[in-house]
Amino acid sequence: MLSAKKSIFVMTAYLVIYIILINTGLLFILVPYLYIVSPFFIVWMVACILKDTRVKYPELKENEEWGYADKTKDELGFF
């Protein structure tokens, strides 16, 4: 699978091409097909993002339900 950044780039390019085809009327016959397959591409992108293990994030500690990977409790100021 692609990295998270690459999959987001691919989906952004797909969306831009889709919007250009709709607005210009070029190859308008492709627009319905692009619309039909877009949910599959979105699911693919989400899977790529969730399965990307290139960046290691710390595990949550005991009694922590949710946390930021780049900030400590002291930096957040809520605890």
C-alpha atoms as a PDB file:
ATOM      1  CA  MET A   1       0.000   0.000   0.000  1.00  0.00           C
ATOM      2  CA  LEU A   2       1.003   3.581  -0.499  1.00  0.00           C
ATOM      3  CA  SER A   3       1.944   5.860   2.336  1.00  0.00           C
ATOM      4  CA  ALA A   4      -0.728   8.058   3.855  1.00  0.00           C
ATOM      5  CA  LYS A   5       0.591  11.198   2.169  1.00  0.00           C
ATOM      6  CA  LYS A   6       0.754   9.571  -1.256  1.00  0.00           C
ATOM      7  CA  SER A   7      -2.760   8.152  -1.007  1.00  0.00           C
ATOM      8  CA  ILE A   8      -4.107  11.577  -0.015  1.00  0.00           C
ATOM      9  CA  PHE A   9      -2.257  13.107  -2.971  1.00  0.00           C
ATOM     10  CA  VAL A  10      -3.733  10.510  -5.349  1.00  0.00           C
ATOM     11  CA  MET A  11      -7.267  11.144  -4.086  1.00  0.00           C
ATOM     12  CA  THR A  12      -6.803  14.911  -4.316  1.00  0.00           C
ATOM     13  CA  ALA A  13      -5.620  14.557  -7.912  1.00  0.00           C
ATOM     14  CA  TYR A  14      -8.598  12.281  -8.635  1.00  0.00           C
ATOM     15  CA  LEU A  15     -10.989  14.867  -7.201  1.00  0.00           C
ATOM     16  CA  VAL A  16      -9.389  17.718  -9.158  1.00  0.00           C
ATOM     17  CA  ILE A  17      -9.609  15.731 -12.396  1.00  0.00           C
ATOM     18  CA  TYR A  18     -13.236  14.877 -11.628  1.00  0.00           C
ATOM     19  CA  ILE A  19     -14.132  18.526 -10.996  1.00  0.00           C
ATOM     20  CA  ILE A  20     -12.293  19.672 -14.129  1.00  0.00           C
ATOM     21  CA  LEU A  21     -14.144  17.120 -16.256  1.00  0.00           C
ATOM     22  CA  ILE A  22     -17.499  18.214 -14.840  1.00  0.00           C
ATOM     23  CA  ASN A  23     -16.879  21.926 -15.301  1.00  0.00           C
ATOM     24  CA  THR A  24     -15.273  21.802 -18.740  1.00  0.00           C
ATOM     25  CA  GLY A  25     -17.469  19.133 -20.274  1.00  0.00           C
ATOM     26  CA  LEU A  26     -14.417  17.327 -21.653  1.00  0.00           C
ATOM     27  CA  LEU A  27     -14.857  13.565 -21.666  1.00  0.00           C
ATOM     28  CA  PHE A  28     -18.180  14.036 -19.907  1.00  0.00           C
ATOM     29  CA  ILE A  29     -18.971  10.382 -20.598  1.00  0.00           C
ATOM     30  CA  LEU A  30     -16.365   9.420 -17.955  1.00  0.00           C
ATOM     31  CA  VAL A  31     -17.943  11.474 -15.172  1.00  0.00           C
ATOM     32  CA  PRO A  32     -20.616   8.923 -14.155  1.00  0.00           C
ATOM     33  CA  TYR A  33     -18.010   6.153 -14.032  1.00  0.00           C
ATOM     34  CA  LEU A  34     -15.681   8.270 -11.932  1.00  0.00           C
ATOM     35  CA  TYR A  35     -18.596   9.048  -9.634  1.00  0.00           C
ATOM     36  CA  ILE A  36     -19.486   5.371  -9.263  1.00  0.00           C
ATOM     37  CA  VAL A  37     -15.954   4.231  -8.390  1.00  0.00           C
ATOM     38  CA  SER A  38     -15.152   7.156  -6.076  1.00  0.00           C
ATOM     39  CA  PRO A  39     -16.425   5.434  -2.875  1.00  0.00           C
ATOM     40  CA  PHE A  40     -14.032   2.553  -3.516  1.00  0.00           C
ATOM     41  CA  PHE A  41     -11.137   4.978  -3.889  1.00  0.00           C
ATOM     42  CA  ILE A  42     -12.124   6.722  -0.661  1.00  0.00           C
ATOM     43  CA  VAL A  43     -12.216   3.411   1.208  1.00  0.00           C
ATOM     44  CA  TRP A  44      -8.814   2.581  -0.289  1.00  0.00           C
ATOM     45  CA  MET A  45      -7.426   5.933   0.882  1.00  0.00           C
ATOM     46  CA  VAL A  46      -8.765   5.430   4.408  1.00  0.00           C
ATOM     47  CA  ALA A  47      -7.278   1.932   4.520  1.00  0.00           C
ATOM     48  CA  CYS A  48      -3.907   3.296   3.398  1.00  0.00           C
ATOM     49  CA  ILE A  49      -3.992   5.961   6.095  1.00  0.00           C
ATOM     50  CA  LEU A  50      -4.984   3.549   8.860  1.00  0.00           C
ATOM     51  CA  LYS A  51      -2.464   0.885   7.862  1.00  0.00           C
ATOM     52  CA  ASP A  52       0.471   3.245   7.358  1.00  0.00           C
ATOM     53  CA  THR A  53       3.014   2.261  10.001  1.00  0.00           C
ATOM     54  CA  ARG A  54       5.918   4.393   8.819  1.00  0.00           C
ATOM     55  CA  VAL A  55       5.528   6.818  11.733  1.00  0.00           C
ATOM     56  CA  LYS A  56       5.703   5.324  15.217  1.00  0.00           C
ATOM     57  CA  TYR A  57       3.314   6.850  17.722  1.00  0.00           C
ATOM     58  CA  PRO A  58       3.552   6.205  21.458  1.00  0.00           C
ATOM     59  CA  GLU A  59       1.041   3.863  23.028  1.00  0.00           C
ATOM     60  CA  LEU A  60      -1.488   5.312  25.454  1.00  0.00           C
ATOM     61  CA  LYS A  61      -0.672   4.795  29.109  1.00  0.00           C
ATOM     62  CA  GLU A  62      -2.877   3.208  31.740  1.00  0.00           C
ATOM     63  CA  ASN A  63      -6.169   5.119  32.235  1.00  0.00           C
ATOM     64  CA  GLU A  64      -5.636   7.198  29.097  1.00  0.00           C
ATOM     65  CA  GLU A  65      -8.475   7.020  26.627  1.00  0.00           C
ATOM     66  CA  TRP A  66      -7.203   9.413  23.996  1.00  0.00           C
ATOM     67  CA  GLY A  67      -4.196  11.599  23.447  1.00  0.00           C
ATOM     68  CA  TYR A  68      -2.129  13.715  21.129  1.00  0.00           C
ATOM     69  CA  ALA A  69       1.049  12.119  19.853  1.00  0.00           C
ATOM     70  CA  ASP A  70       2.894  15.409  19.497  1.00  0.00           C
ATOM     71  CA  LYS A  71       1.948  17.189  22.749  1.00  0.00           C
ATOM     72  CA  THR A  72       2.277  16.391  26.421  1.00  0.00           C
ATOM     73  CA  LYS A  73      -0.384  17.004  29.047  1.00  0.00           C
ATOM     74  CA  ASP A  74       1.504  20.059  30.284  1.00  0.00           C
ATOM     75  CA  GLU A  75       1.560  21.649  26.837  1.00  0.00           C
ATOM     76  CA  LEU A  76      -2.177  21.191  26.367  1.00  0.00           C
ATOM     77  CA  GLY A  77      -3.029  22.948  29.626  1.00  0.00           C
ATOM     78  CA  PHE A  78      -6.263  21.050  30.236  1.00  0.00           C
ATOM     79  CA  PHE A  79      -5.100  18.616  32.896  1.00  0.00           C
END
